Amino acid sequence: MVDGPALVARSAPPTALRARAEDKATAQGIITYFGTYLVRESDRAIAIPIGGRSFPHWKGADQKRIVAITGDQLKLTAPIAVGTAEVVCKRAQ
């Protein structure tokens, strides 16, 4: 399996690899991953065995997110080394 930049580097023309400083700064602040999400209703969490990722240290890792749904918002909370990280998604109207 090929992840992230390796796939782009082999398939994109050289001019497509030249990014503006703003684009680079944005990309450096993003972590992406995918995998099969397992819903665990008993502890209001989802487990994510990481299938692919942009963050190298997550290779083969299992991630856990605490899930909270309030009205039209979904909040995912994850423990990290310096506290917690939260992602809030709002339902589109």
Foldseek 3Di string as FASTA:
>chain_A
DDADPVVCVVPPDPVVPDDDPVVVVVVVPDKDFAADWDADVVQQKIKGQTPHIPDVVCVRHIFMWRWDDDDQKIKTWGADPVGIDIDIDGDDD
